[in-house]
Amino acid sequence: MRPHTQTDRVYIDAKAEAMEDKTRALVAEVRAEMHKNTSDIIKWMVGLTITSMATCISVMVFMLNNFNTNVNAQFAQVNTQFAQVNAQFAQVNAQFGQISATLNDLRKDVTTLQAVPHPAAPPAPIIIQVPPYYPAAPKH
Protein backbone atom coordinates (compact mmCIF):
# COMPACT_ATOMS: atom_id res chain seq x y z
CA MET A 1 0.00 0.00 0.00
CA ARG A 2 1.36 3.29 -0.96
CA PRO A 3 1.34 6.39 1.27
CA HIS A 4 -1.32 9.04 0.69
CA THR A 5 -0.14 11.97 -1.29
CA GLN A 6 -1.37 15.50 -1.44
CA THR A 7 -3.08 14.88 -4.76
CA ASP A 8 -5.02 11.98 -3.28
CA ARG A 9 -6.33 14.18 -0.50
CA VAL A 10 -7.27 16.93 -2.91
CA TYR A 11 -9.05 14.38 -5.10
CA ILE A 12 -10.94 12.89 -2.13
CA ASP A 13 -11.84 16.33 -0.80
CA ALA A 14 -13.11 17.35 -4.22
CA LYS A 15 -15.22 14.17 -4.48
CA ALA A 16 -16.62 14.69 -0.96
CA GLU A 17 -17.45 18.31 -1.72
CA ALA A 18 -19.18 17.28 -4.96
CA MET A 19 -21.23 14.69 -3.04
CA GLU A 20 -22.16 17.32 -0.46
CA ASP A 21 -23.25 19.69 -3.21
CA LYS A 22 -25.41 16.96 -4.78
CA THR A 23 -26.88 16.12 -1.37
CA ARG A 24 -27.64 19.80 -0.70
CA ALA A 25 -29.33 20.09 -4.11
CA LEU A 26 -31.41 16.97 -3.45
CA VAL A 27 -32.42 18.19 0.02
CA ALA A 28 -33.41 21.59 -1.44
CA GLU A 29 -35.43 19.84 -4.14
CA VAL A 30 -37.18 17.59 -1.59
CA ARG A 31 -37.94 20.60 0.63
CA ALA A 32 -39.43 22.53 -2.30
CA GLU A 33 -41.58 19.54 -3.26
CA MET A 34 -42.71 18.99 0.35
CA HIS A 35 -43.60 22.68 0.64
CA LYS A 36 -45.63 22.47 -2.59
CA ASN A 37 -47.42 19.29 -1.47
CA THR A 38 -48.18 20.75 1.96
CA SER A 39 -49.61 23.85 0.29
CA ASP A 40 -51.78 21.68 -1.99
CA ILE A 41 -53.04 19.61 0.96
CA ILE A 42 -54.00 22.75 2.89
CA LYS A 43 -55.85 24.12 -0.15
CA TRP A 44 -57.78 20.85 -0.51
CA MET A 45 -58.63 20.76 3.21
CA VAL A 46 -59.94 24.33 3.16
CA GLY A 47 -61.94 23.66 -0.01
CA LEU A 48 -63.46 20.47 1.38
CA THR A 49 -64.33 22.19 4.67
CA ILE A 50 -66.09 25.06 2.90
CA THR A 51 -67.96 22.68 0.58
CA SER A 52 -69.00 20.41 3.47
CA MET A 53 -70.25 23.36 5.51
CA ALA A 54 -72.27 24.73 2.58
CA THR A 55 -73.79 21.29 1.94
CA CYS A 56 -74.67 20.75 5.62
CA ILE A 57 -76.24 24.19 5.97
CA SER A 58 -78.29 23.68 2.78
CA VAL A 59 -79.54 20.29 3.97
CA MET A 60 -80.40 21.63 7.44
CA VAL A 61 -82.30 24.60 6.02
CA PHE A 62 -84.23 22.32 3.67
CA MET A 63 -85.06 19.83 6.43
CA LEU A 64 -86.10 22.51 8.94
CA ASN A 65 -88.31 24.29 6.41
CA ASN A 66 -90.11 21.08 5.48
CA PHE A 67 -90.35 19.90 9.09
CA ASN A 68 -91.84 23.22 10.21
CA THR A 69 -94.62 23.20 7.58
CA ASN A 70 -95.56 19.58 8.31
CA VAL A 71 -95.67 20.14 12.06
CA ASN A 72 -97.70 23.34 11.76
CA ALA A 73 -100.26 21.59 9.57
CA GLN A 74 -100.53 18.68 12.02
CA PHE A 75 -100.89 21.00 15.02
CA ALA A 76 -103.61 22.95 13.24
CA GLN A 77 -105.50 19.71 12.56
CA VAL A 78 -105.06 18.51 16.16
CA ASN A 79 -106.20 21.88 17.56
CA THR A 80 -109.30 21.75 15.36
CA GLN A 81 -110.11 18.25 16.59
CA PHE A 82 -109.66 19.30 20.21
CA ALA A 83 -111.91 22.30 19.69
CA GLN A 84 -114.59 19.90 18.42
CA VAL A 85 -114.08 17.59 21.41
CA ASN A 86 -114.29 20.53 23.83
CA ALA A 87 -117.52 21.69 22.17
CA GLN A 88 -118.98 18.20 22.59
CA PHE A 89 -117.95 18.17 26.25
CA ALA A 90 -119.60 21.57 26.71
CA GLN A 91 -122.83 20.12 25.30
CA VAL A 92 -122.59 17.11 27.63
CA ASN A 93 -121.95 19.43 30.60
CA ALA A 94 -125.00 21.49 29.65
CA GLN A 95 -127.12 18.32 29.48
CA PHE A 96 -125.83 17.23 32.89
CA GLY A 97 -126.71 20.66 34.24
CA GLN A 98 -130.28 20.29 32.93
CA ILE A 99 -130.56 16.79 34.38
CA SER A 100 -129.23 18.04 37.72
CA ALA A 101 -131.77 20.90 37.75
CA THR A 102 -134.61 18.50 36.93
CA LEU A 103 -133.46 16.14 39.67
CA ASN A 104 -133.41 19.01 42.17
CA ASP A 105 -136.91 20.02 41.14
CA LEU A 106 -138.10 16.44 41.62
CA ARG A 107 -136.51 16.32 45.08
CA LYS A 108 -138.26 19.52 46.05
CA ASP A 109 -141.56 18.07 44.87
CA VAL A 110 -140.95 14.87 46.82
CA THR A 111 -140.01 16.77 49.99
CA THR A 112 -143.20 18.78 49.86
CA LEU A 113 -145.26 15.63 49.52
CA GLN A 114 -143.29 13.47 51.92
CA ALA A 115 -140.68 14.08 54.53
CA VAL A 116 -137.77 12.63 52.56
CA PRO A 117 -134.36 13.98 53.48
CA HIS A 118 -132.45 15.53 50.63
CA PRO A 119 -129.07 17.19 50.41
CA ALA A 120 -128.91 20.84 51.39
CA ALA A 121 -127.09 21.92 48.24
CA PRO A 122 -127.79 20.64 44.76
CA PRO A 123 -125.03 18.52 43.29
CA ALA A 124 -122.57 20.43 41.19
CA PRO A 125 -122.69 19.77 37.46
CA ILE A 126 -120.01 17.48 36.13
CA ILE A 127 -117.42 19.43 34.22
CA ILE A 128 -114.95 17.52 32.13
CA GLN A 129 -111.89 19.39 30.97
CA VAL A 130 -109.46 18.01 28.43
CA PRO A 131 -105.88 19.16 28.70
CA PRO A 132 -104.24 20.17 25.43
CA TYR A 133 -102.54 17.30 23.69
CA TYR A 134 -99.66 17.70 21.28
CA PRO A 135 -98.56 14.47 19.60
CA ALA A 136 -94.93 13.68 19.04
CA ALA A 137 -93.39 15.03 15.87
CA PRO A 138 -93.53 12.61 12.94
CA LYS A 139 -90.44 10.52 12.34
CA HIS A 140 -88.99 10.76 8.87
Foldseek 3Di string as FASTA:
>chain_A
DDDDDPVNVVVVVVVVVVVVVVVVVVVVVVVVVVVVVVVVVVVVVVVVVVVVVVVVVVVVVVVVVVLVVVLVVVVVVLVVVVVVVQVVQVVVLVVQVVVQVVVVVVVVVVCVVDVDDDDPDGDDGDHDDDDRDRDDRDDD
